[in-house]
Amino acid sequence: MSQHFAMPAEWQPHERTWMAWPSSGYTLGDTEDERLEARQTWAAVANAIVDFEPVTMLCEPTDLTIASQFLDARIQLIECELNDAWMRDIGPTFVRSADGSLAAVNWIFNGWGAQPWARWDKDSLVATKIADLTDTAIESSWLVNEGGGIHVNGAGTVLLTETVQLGEGRNQGHTKTEVEAEIHRLLGTNRAIWLKRGLTRDYDEFGTRGHIDIVACFADENTILYHDQQNPEHPDFAVSQEVRDALSAYPEFRLVPLAAPKTLFDADGPVDYSYINHYIVNGAVILCAFDDENDANAKRVLEGVYPGREIVLVDARALFARGGGIHCITQQQPA
């Protein structure tokens, strides 16, 4: 089947990174301390990235002044109405057309499966807004999907999760074959590796119901990193075994376990802290840190699988408390 589009792998050169400033709801928080924490954490990620590539931050008009107080002066701020700040999911997925030009895939975004707390009247327009800002052609899809629900190796394979693309509130009425065909049409892939589920905490109230980008990811065309929860007292111990077994069915890939943080629980239950949720930028990797003894191990593993890239740790606990991580708040625009 001839492919009209292809999604470049994340390690390919970037033109810039897109982000969104937290401005309302649970993402920002209810108290002054929570709001400060959110702003400091989003800013820490953006300020780390801008040392390696340009960053553009979409921001509610009323928050432009306060955002500029936290952000490096090199970061471009653009007015945009927002419900939320998870750019990986609300922004477009950039792909290349057959002629080499960029296209912006506009998936249907419906609040991670039309969850009762979610609002997406503004967020559903963000992909189109970014396509307009970048003068990029829009390719609309009928598929309910988010950027955090896909991961490609740039050589024909995509990682997916059954509870996302085939799960509640997203694409009922469509078969697995139909879903795969639409994914392949837009990403230029020809093989999907499906995992049964994501990490346990991701099914809580503010979770995504199983995004792949905290479970497993490609580090290069032939290497898959996967979340390795080694403590049987954590429910993700079983998930990690499932994931390893599923990926082992593809012996052409080198599997690299990435040991989960030693921290098992917070005030709300078992955590989904994951080093898988890192973001590759030009010349570096921005890695989630958790003030955990396994942070150093994760840095060593990533130095091995991303040779020549600087590994930059940014404390991501405030992000995970809100339902995501560093990869979830970023979206790359290929060079």
C-alpha atoms as a PDB file:
ATOM      1  CA  MET A   1       0.000   0.000   0.000  1.00  0.00           C
ATOM      2  CA  SER A   2       1.475   3.355  -0.962  1.00  0.00           C
ATOM      3  CA  GLN A   3       1.771   5.772   1.946  1.00  0.00           C
ATOM      4  CA  HIS A   4       0.754   9.394   1.553  1.00  0.00           C
ATOM      5  CA  PHE A   5       2.072  10.477   4.965  1.00  0.00           C
ATOM      6  CA  ALA A   6       4.805   9.449   7.370  1.00  0.00           C
ATOM      7  CA  MET A   7       5.443  10.595  10.942  1.00  0.00           C
ATOM      8  CA  PRO A   8       9.135  11.295  11.579  1.00  0.00           C
ATOM      9  CA  ALA A   9      10.505   9.606  14.671  1.00  0.00           C
ATOM     10  CA  GLU A  10      10.894  11.901  17.676  1.00  0.00           C
ATOM     11  CA  TRP A  11      14.706  11.728  17.482  1.00  0.00           C
ATOM     12  CA  GLN A  12      14.701  13.301  14.016  1.00  0.00           C
ATOM     13  CA  PRO A  13      15.600  17.045  13.976  1.00  0.00           C
ATOM     14  CA  HIS A  14      12.969  19.460  15.275  1.00  0.00           C
ATOM     15  CA  GLU A  15      12.012  22.902  14.058  1.00  0.00           C
ATOM     16  CA  ARG A  16      10.577  23.688  17.498  1.00  0.00           C
ATOM     17  CA  THR A  17       8.573  22.400  20.462  1.00  0.00           C
ATOM     18  CA  TRP A  18       4.964  23.431  21.110  1.00  0.00           C
ATOM     19  CA  MET A  19       3.546  23.712  24.632  1.00  0.00           C
ATOM     20  CA  ALA A  20       0.474  25.168  26.376  1.00  0.00           C
ATOM     21  CA  TRP A  21       0.444  27.200  29.583  1.00  0.00           C
ATOM     22  CA  PRO A  22      -1.696  25.843  32.477  1.00  0.00           C
ATOM     23  CA  SER A  23      -4.508  28.314  33.009  1.00  0.00           C
ATOM     24  CA  SER A  24      -7.551  26.640  34.539  1.00  0.00           C
ATOM     25  CA  GLY A  25      -9.087  23.576  36.170  1.00  0.00           C
ATOM     26  CA  TYR A  26      -7.355  20.741  37.967  1.00  0.00           C
ATOM     27  CA  THR A  27      -4.201  21.201  35.857  1.00  0.00           C
ATOM     28  CA  LEU A  28      -3.602  24.640  37.326  1.00  0.00           C
ATOM     29  CA  GLY A  29      -5.037  23.783  40.759  1.00  0.00           C
ATOM     30  CA  ASP A  30      -7.344  25.368  43.314  1.00  0.00           C
ATOM     31  CA  THR A  31      -4.951  26.885  45.829  1.00  0.00           C
ATOM     32  CA  GLU A  32      -2.228  29.489  45.380  1.00  0.00           C
ATOM     33  CA  ASP A  33       0.403  26.850  46.225  1.00  0.00           C
ATOM     34  CA  GLU A  34      -0.978  24.493  43.577  1.00  0.00           C
ATOM     35  CA  ARG A  35      -1.077  27.236  40.954  1.00  0.00           C
ATOM     36  CA  LEU A  36       2.509  28.194  41.725  1.00  0.00           C
ATOM     37  CA  GLU A  37       3.590  24.557  41.511  1.00  0.00           C
ATOM     38  CA  ALA A  38       1.941  24.077  38.106  1.00  0.00           C
ATOM     39  CA  ARG A  39       3.443  27.241  36.651  1.00  0.00           C
ATOM     40  CA  GLN A  40       6.909  26.471  37.993  1.00  0.00           C
ATOM     41  CA  THR A  41       6.820  22.922  36.623  1.00  0.00           C
ATOM     42  CA  TRP A  42       5.576  23.789  33.109  1.00  0.00           C
ATOM     43  CA  ALA A  43       8.146  26.595  33.027  1.00  0.00           C
ATOM     44  CA  ALA A  44      10.963  24.306  34.173  1.00  0.00           C
ATOM     45  CA  VAL A  45      10.277  21.966  31.249  1.00  0.00           C
ATOM     46  CA  ALA A  46      10.038  24.790  28.708  1.00  0.00           C
ATOM     47  CA  ASN A  47      13.141  26.527  30.064  1.00  0.00           C
ATOM     48  CA  ALA A  48      15.100  23.265  29.812  1.00  0.00           C
ATOM     49  CA  ILE A  49      14.020  22.664  26.210  1.00  0.00           C
ATOM     50  CA  VAL A  50      14.774  26.175  24.951  1.00  0.00           C
ATOM     51  CA  ASP A  51      18.489  25.609  25.566  1.00  0.00           C
ATOM     52  CA  PHE A  52      18.326  23.106  22.677  1.00  0.00           C
ATOM     53  CA  GLU A  53      15.566  24.264  20.325  1.00  0.00           C
ATOM     54  CA  PRO A  54      12.926  26.994  19.970  1.00  0.00           C
ATOM     55  CA  VAL A  55       9.804  26.741  22.137  1.00  0.00           C
ATOM     56  CA  THR A  56       6.408  28.270  21.401  1.00  0.00           C
ATOM     57  CA  MET A  57       3.938  28.416  24.298  1.00  0.00           C
ATOM     58  CA  LEU A  58       0.225  28.905  23.688  1.00  0.00           C
ATOM     59  CA  CYS A  59      -1.348  30.883  26.488  1.00  0.00           C
ATOM     60  CA  GLU A  60      -4.729  32.261  27.502  1.00  0.00           C
ATOM     61  CA  PRO A  61      -4.707  36.039  26.837  1.00  0.00           C
ATOM     62  CA  THR A  62      -5.273  36.824  30.524  1.00  0.00           C
ATOM     63  CA  ASP A  63      -2.222  34.747  31.520  1.00  0.00           C
ATOM     64  CA  LEU A  64       0.379  36.217  29.154  1.00  0.00           C
ATOM     65  CA  THR A  65       1.852  38.525  31.786  1.00  0.00           C
ATOM     66  CA  ILE A  66       2.174  35.899  34.507  1.00  0.00           C
ATOM     67  CA  ALA A  67       3.551  33.307  32.061  1.00  0.00           C
ATOM     68  CA  SER A  68       6.277  35.704  30.963  1.00  0.00           C
ATOM     69  CA  GLN A  69       7.390  36.029  34.603  1.00  0.00           C
ATOM     70  CA  PHE A  70       8.173  32.296  34.753  1.00  0.00           C
ATOM     71  CA  LEU A  71       9.456  31.656  31.241  1.00  0.00           C
ATOM     72  CA  ASP A  72      12.850  32.227  29.653  1.00  0.00           C
ATOM     73  CA  ALA A  73      12.739  35.334  27.451  1.00  0.00           C
ATOM     74  CA  ARG A  74      13.642  33.194  24.420  1.00  0.00           C
ATOM     75  CA  ILE A  75      10.280  31.391  24.597  1.00  0.00           C
ATOM     76  CA  GLN A  76       7.648  32.691  22.198  1.00  0.00           C
ATOM     77  CA  LEU A  77       4.229  33.307  23.769  1.00  0.00           C
ATOM     78  CA  ILE A  78       1.123  33.239  21.559  1.00  0.00           C
ATOM     79  CA  GLU A  79      -2.438  33.988  22.628  1.00  0.00           C
ATOM     80  CA  CYS A  80      -4.805  31.024  22.400  1.00  0.00           C
ATOM     81  CA  GLU A  81      -7.918  30.000  24.275  1.00  0.00           C
ATOM     82  CA  LEU A  82      -7.337  26.738  26.151  1.00  0.00           C
ATOM     83  CA  ASN A  83      -9.182  24.296  28.370  1.00  0.00           C
ATOM     84  CA  ASP A  84      -6.077  22.387  29.385  1.00  0.00           C
ATOM     85  CA  ALA A  85      -2.314  22.204  28.925  1.00  0.00           C
ATOM     86  CA  TRP A  86      -1.512  18.692  27.632  1.00  0.00           C
ATOM     87  CA  MET A  87      -0.074  19.711  24.262  1.00  0.00           C
ATOM     88  CA  ARG A  88       0.869  16.170  23.227  1.00  0.00           C
ATOM     89  CA  ASP A  89      -2.846  15.373  23.099  1.00  0.00           C
ATOM     90  CA  ILE A  90      -4.536  18.597  22.019  1.00  0.00           C
ATOM     91  CA  GLY A  91      -1.948  19.660  19.453  1.00  0.00           C
ATOM     92  CA  PRO A  92      -1.513  18.249  15.956  1.00  0.00           C
ATOM     93  CA  THR A  93       0.632  15.255  15.095  1.00  0.00           C
ATOM     94  CA  PHE A  94       3.073  16.517  12.470  1.00  0.00           C
ATOM     95  CA  VAL A  95       3.722  14.181   9.534  1.00  0.00           C
ATOM     96  CA  ARG A  96       5.415  14.462   6.157  1.00  0.00           C
ATOM     97  CA  SER A  97       3.495  14.288   2.905  1.00  0.00           C
ATOM     98  CA  ALA A  98       4.805  12.359  -0.077  1.00  0.00           C
ATOM     99  CA  ASP A  99       6.370  15.544  -1.464  1.00  0.00           C
ATOM    100  CA  GLY A 100       8.269  16.137   1.787  1.00  0.00           C
ATOM    101  CA  SER A 101       6.099  18.999   3.008  1.00  0.00           C
ATOM    102  CA  LEU A 102       4.676  18.977   6.531  1.00  0.00           C
ATOM    103  CA  ALA A 103       1.061  18.186   7.305  1.00  0.00           C
ATOM    104  CA  ALA A 104      -0.738  18.513  10.637  1.00  0.00           C
ATOM    105  CA  VAL A 105      -2.929  15.558  11.577  1.00  0.00           C
ATOM    106  CA  ASN A 106      -6.044  16.776  13.366  1.00  0.00           C
ATOM    107  CA  TRP A 107      -7.325  13.793  15.339  1.00  0.00           C
ATOM    108  CA  ILE A 108     -10.701  14.105  17.034  1.00  0.00           C
ATOM    109  CA  PHE A 109      -9.999  15.179  20.621  1.00  0.00           C
ATOM    110  CA  ASN A 110     -12.836  14.519  23.062  1.00  0.00           C
ATOM    111  CA  GLY A 111     -11.309  14.793  26.514  1.00  0.00           C
ATOM    112  CA  TRP A 112      -9.625  11.364  26.657  1.00  0.00           C
ATOM    113  CA  GLY A 113     -12.779   9.440  25.873  1.00  0.00           C
ATOM    114  CA  ALA A 114     -15.412  12.025  26.830  1.00  0.00           C
ATOM    115  CA  GLN A 115     -14.621  11.835  30.521  1.00  0.00           C
ATOM    116  CA  PRO A 116     -17.269  13.560  32.689  1.00  0.00           C
ATOM    117  CA  TRP A 117     -14.893  16.170  34.131  1.00  0.00           C
ATOM    118  CA  ALA A 118     -13.261  17.115  30.828  1.00  0.00           C
ATOM    119  CA  ARG A 119     -13.997  20.201  28.710  1.00  0.00           C
ATOM    120  CA  TRP A 120     -12.611  20.416  25.197  1.00  0.00           C
ATOM    121  CA  ASP A 121     -14.519  23.121  23.316  1.00  0.00           C
ATOM    122  CA  LYS A 122     -11.307  25.203  23.112  1.00  0.00           C
ATOM    123  CA  ASP A 123      -8.763  22.368  23.055  1.00  0.00           C
ATOM    124  CA  SER A 124     -10.427  20.714  20.063  1.00  0.00           C
ATOM    125  CA  LEU A 125      -9.441  23.789  18.001  1.00  0.00           C
ATOM    126  CA  VAL A 126      -5.762  23.887  19.031  1.00  0.00           C
ATOM    127  CA  ALA A 127      -4.465  21.568  16.293  1.00  0.00           C
ATOM    128  CA  THR A 128      -6.055  23.775  13.634  1.00  0.00           C
ATOM    129  CA  LYS A 129      -4.674  26.911  15.312  1.00  0.00           C
ATOM    130  CA  ILE A 130      -1.120  25.518  15.244  1.00  0.00           C
ATOM    131  CA  ALA A 131      -1.510  24.395  11.635  1.00  0.00           C
ATOM    132  CA  ASP A 132      -2.521  27.959  10.749  1.00  0.00           C
ATOM    133  CA  LEU A 133       0.400  29.445  12.710  1.00  0.00           C
ATOM    134  CA  THR A 134       2.874  27.170  10.931  1.00  0.00           C
ATOM    135  CA  ASP A 135       1.193  27.490   7.509  1.00  0.00           C
ATOM    136  CA  THR A 136       0.854  23.715   7.473  1.00  0.00           C
ATOM    137  CA  ALA A 137      -1.779  21.741   5.580  1.00  0.00           C
ATOM    138  CA  ILE A 138      -4.366  20.067   7.826  1.00  0.00           C
ATOM    139  CA  GLU A 139      -5.187  16.400   7.440  1.00  0.00           C
ATOM    140  CA  SER A 140      -8.334  15.656   9.431  1.00  0.00           C
ATOM    141  CA  SER A 141      -9.085  12.203  10.790  1.00  0.00           C
ATOM    142  CA  TRP A 142     -12.282  10.517  11.926  1.00  0.00           C
ATOM    143  CA  LEU A 143     -10.283   8.746  14.628  1.00  0.00           C
ATOM    144  CA  VAL A 144     -10.608   9.787  18.266  1.00  0.00           C
ATOM    145  CA  ASN A 145      -6.956   9.740  19.300  1.00  0.00           C
ATOM    146  CA  GLU A 146      -4.250  11.671  21.126  1.00  0.00           C
ATOM    147  CA  GLY A 147      -0.538  12.115  20.563  1.00  0.00           C
ATOM    148  CA  GLY A 148       0.212  10.371  23.852  1.00  0.00           C
ATOM    149  CA  GLY A 149      -1.524   7.270  22.524  1.00  0.00           C
ATOM    150  CA  ILE A 150       0.948   6.598  19.696  1.00  0.00           C
ATOM    151  CA  HIS A 151       4.682   6.047  19.379  1.00  0.00           C
ATOM    152  CA  VAL A 152       6.484   5.367  16.081  1.00  0.00           C
ATOM    153  CA  ASN A 153       9.965   4.153  15.193  1.00  0.00           C
ATOM    154  CA  GLY A 154      10.063   5.984  11.859  1.00  0.00           C
ATOM    155  CA  ALA A 155      10.475   2.664  10.061  1.00  0.00           C
ATOM    156  CA  GLY A 156       6.936   1.338   9.814  1.00  0.00           C
ATOM    157  CA  THR A 157       5.970   0.278  13.349  1.00  0.00           C
ATOM    158  CA  VAL A 158       3.632   2.006  15.811  1.00  0.00           C
ATOM    159  CA  LEU A 159       2.949   1.183  19.471  1.00  0.00           C
ATOM    160  CA  LEU A 160      -0.692   1.382  20.608  1.00  0.00           C
ATOM    161  CA  THR A 161      -2.849   0.439  23.618  1.00  0.00           C
ATOM    162  CA  GLU A 162      -6.165  -1.408  23.331  1.00  0.00           C
ATOM    163  CA  THR A 163      -7.811   0.642  26.095  1.00  0.00           C
ATOM    164  CA  VAL A 164      -7.058   3.882  24.206  1.00  0.00           C
ATOM    165  CA  GLN A 165      -7.829   3.594  20.486  1.00  0.00           C
ATOM    166  CA  LEU A 166     -10.282   0.714  21.064  1.00  0.00           C
ATOM    167  CA  GLY A 167     -11.462   1.754  24.525  1.00  0.00           C
ATOM    168  CA  GLU A 168     -14.418   3.387  26.168  1.00  0.00           C
ATOM    169  CA  GLY A 169     -15.578   6.713  24.749  1.00  0.00           C
ATOM    170  CA  ARG A 170     -13.234   6.829  21.781  1.00  0.00           C
ATOM    171  CA  ASN A 171     -13.902   4.726  18.686  1.00  0.00           C
ATOM    172  CA  GLN A 172     -16.828   2.423  19.420  1.00  0.00           C
ATOM    173  CA  GLY A 173     -18.423   1.203  16.246  1.00  0.00           C
ATOM    174  CA  HIS A 174     -15.088   0.833  14.484  1.00  0.00           C
ATOM    175  CA  THR A 175     -13.173  -2.413  14.238  1.00  0.00           C
ATOM    176  CA  LYS A 176      -9.540  -2.901  15.162  1.00  0.00           C
ATOM    177  CA  THR A 177      -8.803  -3.303  11.451  1.00  0.00           C
ATOM    178  CA  GLU A 178     -10.444   0.043  10.638  1.00  0.00           C
ATOM    179  CA  VAL A 179      -8.583   1.798  13.455  1.00  0.00           C
ATOM    180  CA  GLU A 180      -5.255   0.343  12.332  1.00  0.00           C
ATOM    181  CA  ALA A 181      -5.901   1.343   8.727  1.00  0.00           C
ATOM    182  CA  GLU A 182      -6.482   4.986   9.707  1.00  0.00           C
ATOM    183  CA  ILE A 183      -3.388   5.014  11.938  1.00  0.00           C
ATOM    184  CA  HIS A 184      -1.280   3.548   9.127  1.00  0.00           C
ATOM    185  CA  ARG A 185      -2.722   5.993   6.566  1.00  0.00           C
ATOM    186  CA  LEU A 186      -1.703   8.996   8.631  1.00  0.00           C
ATOM    187  CA  LEU A 187       1.540   7.834  10.263  1.00  0.00           C
ATOM    188  CA  GLY A 188       3.002   5.927   7.307  1.00  0.00           C
ATOM    189  CA  THR A 189       3.218   2.766   9.381  1.00  0.00           C
ATOM    190  CA  ASN A 190       2.373  -0.766   8.282  1.00  0.00           C
ATOM    191  CA  ARG A 191       2.534  -2.676  11.559  1.00  0.00           C
ATOM    192  CA  ALA A 192       0.882  -2.008  14.917  1.00  0.00           C
ATOM    193  CA  ILE A 193       2.061  -3.545  18.170  1.00  0.00           C
ATOM    194  CA  TRP A 194      -0.868  -3.482  20.596  1.00  0.00           C
ATOM    195  CA  LEU A 195      -0.446  -3.570  24.354  1.00  0.00           C
ATOM    196  CA  LYS A 196      -3.487  -4.615  26.355  1.00  0.00           C
ATOM    197  CA  ARG A 197      -3.437  -1.797  28.915  1.00  0.00           C
ATOM    198  CA  GLY A 198      -1.458   1.053  30.397  1.00  0.00           C
ATOM    199  CA  LEU A 199      -0.283   1.783  33.929  1.00  0.00           C
ATOM    200  CA  THR A 200      -2.766   1.372  36.768  1.00  0.00           C
ATOM    201  CA  ARG A 201      -2.928   4.993  37.951  1.00  0.00           C
ATOM    202  CA  ASP A 202      -3.728   6.097  34.398  1.00  0.00           C
ATOM    203  CA  TYR A 203      -7.243   4.701  34.868  1.00  0.00           C
ATOM    204  CA  ASP A 204      -7.980   7.018  37.800  1.00  0.00           C
ATOM    205  CA  GLU A 205     -10.287  10.016  37.431  1.00  0.00           C
ATOM    206  CA  PHE A 206      -7.822  12.295  35.639  1.00  0.00           C
ATOM    207  CA  GLY A 207      -6.050   9.566  33.667  1.00  0.00           C
ATOM    208  CA  THR A 208      -5.940   8.929  29.930  1.00  0.00           C
ATOM    209  CA  ARG A 209      -7.085   5.294  30.209  1.00  0.00           C
ATOM    210  CA  GLY A 210      -3.795   3.835  29.120  1.00  0.00           C
ATOM    211  CA  HIS A 211      -1.570   6.097  27.035  1.00  0.00           C
ATOM    212  CA  ILE A 212       1.408   4.295  25.555  1.00  0.00           C
ATOM    213  CA  ASP A 213       3.876   7.092  26.324  1.00  0.00           C
ATOM    214  CA  ILE A 214       4.301   6.162  29.984  1.00  0.00           C
ATOM    215  CA  VAL A 215       4.476   2.420  29.251  1.00  0.00           C
ATOM    216  CA  ALA A 216       6.787   1.862  26.272  1.00  0.00           C
ATOM    217  CA  CYS A 217       8.554   3.876  23.572  1.00  0.00           C
ATOM    218  CA  PHE A 218      11.066   3.525  20.786  1.00  0.00           C
ATOM    219  CA  ALA A 219      14.588   4.824  21.405  1.00  0.00           C
ATOM    220  CA  ASP A 220      15.653   4.080  17.819  1.00  0.00           C
ATOM    221  CA  GLU A 221      14.310   2.036  14.927  1.00  0.00           C
ATOM    222  CA  ASN A 222      15.234  -1.239  16.614  1.00  0.00           C
ATOM    223  CA  THR A 223      15.087  -0.509  20.374  1.00  0.00           C
ATOM    224  CA  ILE A 224      12.046  -0.398  22.649  1.00  0.00           C
ATOM    225  CA  LEU A 225      12.229   0.933  26.187  1.00  0.00           C
ATOM    226  CA  TYR A 226       9.563  -0.345  28.574  1.00  0.00           C
ATOM    227  CA  HIS A 227       8.453   0.565  32.094  1.00  0.00           C
ATOM    228  CA  ASP A 228       9.797  -2.058  34.498  1.00  0.00           C
ATOM    229  CA  GLN A 229       8.025  -2.026  37.856  1.00  0.00           C
ATOM    230  CA  GLN A 230      10.120  -4.473  39.858  1.00  0.00           C
ATOM    231  CA  ASN A 231       8.198  -4.382  43.161  1.00  0.00           C
ATOM    232  CA  PRO A 232       5.415  -6.990  43.474  1.00  0.00           C
ATOM    233  CA  GLU A 233       3.613  -4.730  45.961  1.00  0.00           C
ATOM    234  CA  HIS A 234       2.750  -2.322  43.133  1.00  0.00           C
ATOM    235  CA  PRO A 235      -0.090  -3.237  40.725  1.00  0.00           C
ATOM    236  CA  ASP A 236       2.082  -2.256  37.754  1.00  0.00           C
ATOM    237  CA  PHE A 237       4.334  -5.227  38.531  1.00  0.00           C
ATOM    238  CA  ALA A 238       1.826  -7.364  36.595  1.00  0.00           C
ATOM    239  CA  VAL A 239       1.464  -4.734  33.869  1.00  0.00           C
ATOM    240  CA  SER A 240       5.232  -4.678  33.301  1.00  0.00           C
ATOM    241  CA  GLN A 241       5.293  -8.450  32.952  1.00  0.00           C
ATOM    242  CA  GLU A 242       2.449  -8.296  30.422  1.00  0.00           C
ATOM    243  CA  VAL A 243       4.223  -5.591  28.437  1.00  0.00           C
ATOM    244  CA  ARG A 244       7.532  -7.474  28.398  1.00  0.00           C
ATOM    245  CA  ASP A 245       5.780 -10.666  27.260  1.00  0.00           C
ATOM    246  CA  ALA A 246       3.863  -8.843  24.518  1.00  0.00           C
ATOM    247  CA  LEU A 247       6.962  -7.097  23.175  1.00  0.00           C
ATOM    248  CA  SER A 248       9.008 -10.305  23.362  1.00  0.00           C
ATOM    249  CA  ALA A 249       6.833 -11.638  20.540  1.00  0.00           C
ATOM    250  CA  TYR A 250       8.819  -9.287  18.258  1.00  0.00           C
ATOM    251  CA  PRO A 251      12.406 -10.581  18.541  1.00  0.00           C
ATOM    252  CA  GLU A 252      13.643  -8.153  15.901  1.00  0.00           C
ATOM    253  CA  PHE A 253      13.480  -5.411  18.551  1.00  0.00           C
ATOM    254  CA  ARG A 254      15.968  -5.012  21.367  1.00  0.00           C
ATOM    255  CA  LEU A 255      14.024  -4.614  24.615  1.00  0.00           C
ATOM    256  CA  VAL A 256      15.509  -2.372  27.299  1.00  0.00           C
ATOM    257  CA  PRO A 257      13.798  -2.340  30.720  1.00  0.00           C
ATOM    258  CA  LEU A 258      13.702   1.043  32.443  1.00  0.00           C
ATOM    259  CA  ALA A 259      13.344   0.398  36.163  1.00  0.00           C
ATOM    260  CA  ALA A 260      10.452   2.302  37.726  1.00  0.00           C
ATOM    261  CA  PRO A 261      11.155   4.713  40.585  1.00  0.00           C
ATOM    262  CA  LYS A 262      11.423   3.112  44.025  1.00  0.00           C
ATOM    263  CA  THR A 263       8.545   5.344  45.153  1.00  0.00           C
ATOM    264  CA  LEU A 264       5.403   3.196  45.083  1.00  0.00           C
ATOM    265  CA  PHE A 265       2.596   5.277  46.570  1.00  0.00           C
ATOM    266  CA  ASP A 266       1.461   8.825  47.193  1.00  0.00           C
ATOM    267  CA  ALA A 267      -1.527  10.147  49.125  1.00  0.00           C
ATOM    268  CA  ASP A 268      -3.887   8.959  46.374  1.00  0.00           C
ATOM    269  CA  GLY A 269      -2.564   5.416  45.901  1.00  0.00           C
ATOM    270  CA  PRO A 270      -0.063   3.637  43.654  1.00  0.00           C
ATOM    271  CA  VAL A 271       1.882   6.143  41.518  1.00  0.00           C
ATOM    272  CA  ASP A 272       2.473   5.867  37.780  1.00  0.00           C
ATOM    273  CA  TYR A 273       5.848   7.619  37.944  1.00  0.00           C
ATOM    274  CA  SER A 274       7.609   6.584  34.752  1.00  0.00           C
ATOM    275  CA  TYR A 275      10.907   7.421  33.068  1.00  0.00           C
ATOM    276  CA  ILE A 276       9.410   6.303  29.743  1.00  0.00           C
ATOM    277  CA  ASN A 277       7.659   9.674  29.573  1.00  0.00           C
ATOM    278  CA  HIS A 278      10.771  11.579  28.470  1.00  0.00           C
ATOM    279  CA  TYR A 279      11.010  13.944  25.520  1.00  0.00           C
ATOM    280  CA  ILE A 280      13.746  13.870  22.863  1.00  0.00           C
ATOM    281  CA  VAL A 281      14.906  17.301  21.644  1.00  0.00           C
ATOM    282  CA  ASN A 282      17.749  18.423  19.385  1.00  0.00           C
ATOM    283  CA  GLY A 283      20.900  17.153  21.084  1.00  0.00           C
ATOM    284  CA  ALA A 284      19.272  16.199  24.379  1.00  0.00           C
ATOM    285  CA  VAL A 285      16.617  14.246  26.247  1.00  0.00           C
ATOM    286  CA  ILE A 286      14.411  15.922  28.861  1.00  0.00           C
ATOM    287  CA  LEU A 287      13.887  13.217  31.474  1.00  0.00           C
ATOM    288  CA  CYS A 288      11.294  13.055  34.238  1.00  0.00           C
ATOM    289  CA  ALA A 289      12.860  13.054  37.709  1.00  0.00           C
ATOM    290  CA  PHE A 290      11.106  12.147  40.951  1.00  0.00           C
ATOM    291  CA  ASP A 291      13.676  12.867  43.687  1.00  0.00           C
ATOM    292  CA  ASP A 292      14.093   9.090  43.676  1.00  0.00           C
ATOM    293  CA  GLU A 293      17.155   6.857  43.974  1.00  0.00           C
ATOM    294  CA  ASN A 294      16.357   5.351  40.552  1.00  0.00           C
ATOM    295  CA  ASP A 295      16.615   8.758  38.819  1.00  0.00           C
ATOM    296  CA  ALA A 296      20.364   8.200  38.397  1.00  0.00           C
ATOM    297  CA  ASN A 297      19.824   4.722  36.955  1.00  0.00           C
ATOM    298  CA  ALA A 298      17.324   6.063  34.415  1.00  0.00           C
ATOM    299  CA  LYS A 299      19.823   8.726  33.376  1.00  0.00           C
ATOM    300  CA  ARG A 300      22.502   6.041  32.849  1.00  0.00           C
ATOM    301  CA  VAL A 301      20.171   3.875  30.750  1.00  0.00           C
ATOM    302  CA  LEU A 302      19.155   6.801  28.579  1.00  0.00           C
ATOM    303  CA  GLU A 303      22.790   7.837  28.093  1.00  0.00           C
ATOM    304  CA  GLY A 304      23.314   4.356  26.707  1.00  0.00           C
ATOM    305  CA  VAL A 305      20.371   4.318  24.298  1.00  0.00           C
ATOM    306  CA  TYR A 306      20.696   7.961  23.207  1.00  0.00           C
ATOM    307  CA  PRO A 307      24.456   8.319  22.637  1.00  0.00           C
ATOM    308  CA  GLY A 308      25.625  11.857  22.054  1.00  0.00           C
ATOM    309  CA  ARG A 309      22.585  13.464  23.693  1.00  0.00           C
ATOM    310  CA  GLU A 310      22.687  15.344  26.958  1.00  0.00           C
ATOM    311  CA  ILE A 311      20.251  13.906  29.526  1.00  0.00           C
ATOM    312  CA  VAL A 312      18.535  16.730  31.429  1.00  0.00           C
ATOM    313  CA  LEU A 313      16.466  15.834  34.493  1.00  0.00           C
ATOM    314  CA  VAL A 314      13.429  17.939  35.437  1.00  0.00           C
ATOM    315  CA  ASP A 315      11.286  17.167  38.506  1.00  0.00           C
ATOM    316  CA  ALA A 316       7.995  15.866  37.102  1.00  0.00           C
ATOM    317  CA  ARG A 317       6.116  14.944  40.272  1.00  0.00           C
ATOM    318  CA  ALA A 318       3.732  17.878  39.926  1.00  0.00           C
ATOM    319  CA  LEU A 319       2.921  16.766  36.378  1.00  0.00           C
ATOM    320  CA  PHE A 320       2.212  13.174  37.363  1.00  0.00           C
ATOM    321  CA  ALA A 321       0.004  14.370  40.224  1.00  0.00           C
ATOM    322  CA  ARG A 322      -2.111  16.037  37.522  1.00  0.00           C
ATOM    323  CA  GLY A 323      -2.211  13.004  35.231  1.00  0.00           C
ATOM    324  CA  GLY A 324       0.783  13.270  32.895  1.00  0.00           C
ATOM    325  CA  GLY A 325       4.481  13.883  32.428  1.00  0.00           C
ATOM    326  CA  ILE A 326       7.041  15.757  30.337  1.00  0.00           C
ATOM    327  CA  HIS A 327       6.200  13.984  27.084  1.00  0.00           C
ATOM    328  CA  CYS A 328       2.518  14.771  27.666  1.00  0.00           C
ATOM    329  CA  ILE A 329       3.016  18.563  27.747  1.00  0.00           C
ATOM    330  CA  THR A 330       5.231  18.801  24.655  1.00  0.00           C
ATOM    331  CA  GLN A 331       4.736  18.291  20.912  1.00  0.00           C
ATOM    332  CA  GLN A 332       7.517  18.363  18.344  1.00  0.00           C
ATOM    333  CA  GLN A 333       7.385  20.085  14.971  1.00  0.00           C
ATOM    334  CA  PRO A 334       9.860  18.334  12.651  1.00  0.00           C
ATOM    335  CA  ALA A 335      12.514  20.420  10.932  1.00  0.00           C
END
